[in-house]
Amino acid sequence: MHSREMALMASSLHRLGMRYGRLLGQCQALEALVPERVRRLRDGDGTPSSERPDTRQA
């Protein structure tokens, strides 16, 4: 590969990495705002019955 192509690839990878890092930071900031109760609901410890699959016999 030519050095210019390598430089372009390195630049693109760097930009992708920076973007990924920013998104990761935003996700962590949002998760910090989610109350523990909501986190437990989401993890299935107290899922509302409306979100559970219907297992009743027909």
N, C-alpha and C. Protein backbone atom coordinates (compact mmCIF):
# COMPACT_ATOMS: atom_id res chain seq x y z
N MET A 1 0.84 -1.20 0.00
CA MET A 1 0.00 0.00 0.00
C MET A 1 0.87 1.25 0.00
N HIS A 2 0.39 2.28 -0.63
CA HIS A 2 1.12 3.54 -0.63
C HIS A 2 0.95 4.23 0.72
N SER A 3 1.90 5.08 1.03
CA SER A 3 1.85 5.74 2.34
C SER A 3 0.61 6.63 2.46
N ARG A 4 0.17 7.21 1.34
CA ARG A 4 -1.03 8.06 1.41
C ARG A 4 -2.26 7.23 1.78
N GLU A 5 -2.39 6.03 1.19
CA GLU A 5 -3.51 5.16 1.53
C GLU A 5 -3.45 4.75 3.00
N MET A 6 -2.25 4.46 3.47
CA MET A 6 -2.09 4.08 4.88
C MET A 6 -2.51 5.24 5.78
N ALA A 7 -2.11 6.44 5.41
CA ALA A 7 -2.45 7.62 6.22
C ALA A 7 -3.97 7.83 6.24
N LEU A 8 -4.61 7.64 5.08
CA LEU A 8 -6.07 7.80 5.03
C LEU A 8 -6.76 6.74 5.88
N MET A 9 -6.26 5.51 5.81
CA MET A 9 -6.87 4.44 6.61
C MET A 9 -6.68 4.71 8.10
N ALA A 10 -5.49 5.14 8.47
CA ALA A 10 -5.22 5.44 9.88
C ALA A 10 -6.11 6.57 10.37
N SER A 11 -6.30 7.57 9.52
CA SER A 11 -7.14 8.71 9.88
C SER A 11 -8.59 8.26 10.06
N SER A 12 -9.07 7.43 9.15
CA SER A 12 -10.45 6.94 9.24
C SER A 12 -10.64 6.10 10.50
N LEU A 13 -9.68 5.23 10.78
CA LEU A 13 -9.78 4.40 11.98
C LEU A 13 -9.77 5.26 13.23
N HIS A 14 -8.94 6.29 13.22
CA HIS A 14 -8.87 7.18 14.38
C HIS A 14 -10.22 7.87 14.59
N ARG A 15 -10.81 8.37 13.49
CA ARG A 15 -12.12 9.04 13.61
C ARG A 15 -13.18 8.08 14.13
N LEU A 16 -13.17 6.85 13.62
CA LEU A 16 -14.13 5.85 14.09
C LEU A 16 -13.94 5.59 15.58
N GLY A 17 -12.70 5.47 16.00
CA GLY A 17 -12.40 5.22 17.41
C GLY A 17 -12.88 6.36 18.29
N MET A 18 -12.67 7.58 17.82
CA MET A 18 -13.11 8.74 18.60
C MET A 18 -14.63 8.76 18.71
N ARG A 19 -15.30 8.46 17.59
CA ARG A 19 -16.77 8.45 17.59
C ARG A 19 -17.29 7.38 18.53
N TYR A 20 -16.67 6.20 18.47
CA TYR A 20 -17.07 5.09 19.34
C TYR A 20 -16.88 5.48 20.80
N GLY A 21 -15.77 6.11 21.10
CA GLY A 21 -15.50 6.53 22.47
C GLY A 21 -16.54 7.52 22.97
N ARG A 22 -16.93 8.45 22.10
CA ARG A 22 -17.96 9.43 22.49
C ARG A 22 -19.29 8.75 22.75
N LEU A 23 -19.67 7.82 21.86
CA LEU A 23 -20.94 7.10 22.05
C LEU A 23 -20.92 6.29 23.33
N LEU A 24 -19.80 5.65 23.60
CA LEU A 24 -19.67 4.86 24.82
C LEU A 24 -19.85 5.74 26.04
N GLY A 25 -19.24 6.91 26.01
CA GLY A 25 -19.37 7.85 27.12
C GLY A 25 -20.81 8.29 27.31
N GLN A 26 -21.52 8.54 26.20
CA GLN A 26 -22.92 8.95 26.30
C GLN A 26 -23.77 7.83 26.88
N CYS A 27 -23.49 6.59 26.47
CA CYS A 27 -24.24 5.44 27.01
C CYS A 27 -24.03 5.32 28.51
N GLN A 28 -22.78 5.47 28.95
CA GLN A 28 -22.49 5.35 30.38
C GLN A 28 -23.16 6.47 31.16
N ALA A 29 -23.18 7.66 30.59
CA ALA A 29 -23.83 8.79 31.26
C ALA A 29 -25.33 8.54 31.38
N LEU A 30 -25.94 8.00 30.32
CA LEU A 30 -27.37 7.70 30.37
C LEU A 30 -27.67 6.60 31.38
N GLU A 31 -26.84 5.56 31.40
CA GLU A 31 -27.07 4.47 32.35
C GLU A 31 -26.97 4.97 33.78
N ALA A 32 -26.11 5.94 34.02
CA ALA A 32 -25.97 6.49 35.37
C ALA A 32 -27.24 7.20 35.80
N LEU A 33 -28.03 7.67 34.83
CA LEU A 33 -29.27 8.37 35.16
C LEU A 33 -30.44 7.42 35.42
N VAL A 34 -30.29 6.17 34.98
CA VAL A 34 -31.38 5.21 35.12
C VAL A 34 -31.44 4.72 36.56
N PRO A 35 -32.57 4.89 37.23
CA PRO A 35 -32.68 4.42 38.62
C PRO A 35 -32.50 2.91 38.71
N GLU A 36 -32.01 2.45 39.84
CA GLU A 36 -31.76 1.01 40.05
C GLU A 36 -33.02 0.18 39.84
N ARG A 37 -34.17 0.72 40.23
CA ARG A 37 -35.44 -0.01 40.08
C ARG A 37 -35.72 -0.31 38.61
N VAL A 38 -35.49 0.68 37.76
CA VAL A 38 -35.72 0.49 36.33
C VAL A 38 -34.73 -0.53 35.78
N ARG A 39 -33.50 -0.47 36.26
CA ARG A 39 -32.48 -1.42 35.82
C ARG A 39 -32.89 -2.85 36.17
N ARG A 40 -33.45 -3.02 37.38
CA ARG A 40 -33.89 -4.37 37.79
C ARG A 40 -35.04 -4.84 36.91
N LEU A 41 -35.97 -3.94 36.59
CA LEU A 41 -37.09 -4.30 35.71
C LEU A 41 -36.57 -4.75 34.35
N ARG A 42 -35.61 -4.00 33.84
CA ARG A 42 -35.07 -4.30 32.52
C ARG A 42 -34.34 -5.64 32.52
N ASP A 43 -33.70 -5.98 33.63
CA ASP A 43 -32.94 -7.23 33.71
C ASP A 43 -33.83 -8.43 34.00
N GLY A 44 -35.13 -8.23 34.16
CA GLY A 44 -36.05 -9.35 34.28
C GLY A 44 -36.40 -9.75 35.69
N ASP A 45 -35.96 -8.98 36.69
CA ASP A 45 -36.28 -9.35 38.08
C ASP A 45 -37.70 -8.96 38.45
N GLY A 46 -38.31 -8.09 37.66
CA GLY A 46 -39.66 -7.67 37.97
C GLY A 46 -40.39 -7.23 36.72
N THR A 47 -40.22 -7.99 35.68
CA THR A 47 -40.81 -7.62 34.40
C THR A 47 -42.34 -7.55 34.51
N PRO A 48 -42.94 -6.46 34.07
CA PRO A 48 -44.41 -6.38 34.09
C PRO A 48 -45.01 -7.50 33.26
N SER A 49 -46.17 -7.99 33.70
CA SER A 49 -46.78 -9.13 33.00
C SER A 49 -47.08 -8.80 31.55
N SER A 50 -47.28 -7.53 31.24
CA SER A 50 -47.58 -7.16 29.86
C SER A 50 -46.39 -7.41 28.94
N GLU A 51 -45.18 -7.49 29.52
CA GLU A 51 -43.99 -7.71 28.70
C GLU A 51 -43.57 -9.17 28.69
N ARG A 52 -44.22 -10.00 29.53
CA ARG A 52 -43.86 -11.42 29.55
C ARG A 52 -44.55 -12.15 28.42
N PRO A 53 -43.90 -13.19 27.88
CA PRO A 53 -44.60 -13.98 26.85
C PRO A 53 -45.81 -14.67 27.46
N ASP A 54 -46.86 -14.80 26.70
CA ASP A 54 -48.09 -15.43 27.18
C ASP A 54 -47.92 -16.94 27.18
N THR A 55 -47.91 -17.53 28.37
CA THR A 55 -47.68 -18.98 28.48
C THR A 55 -48.95 -19.74 28.84
N ARG A 56 -50.12 -19.04 28.81
CA ARG A 56 -51.38 -19.73 29.13
C ARG A 56 -51.70 -20.79 28.09
N GLN A 57 -52.34 -21.86 28.56
CA GLN A 57 -52.76 -22.92 27.63
C GLN A 57 -54.03 -22.49 26.92
N ALA A 58 -54.13 -22.81 25.63
CA ALA A 58 -55.31 -22.40 24.84
C ALA A 58 -56.51 -23.27 25.17
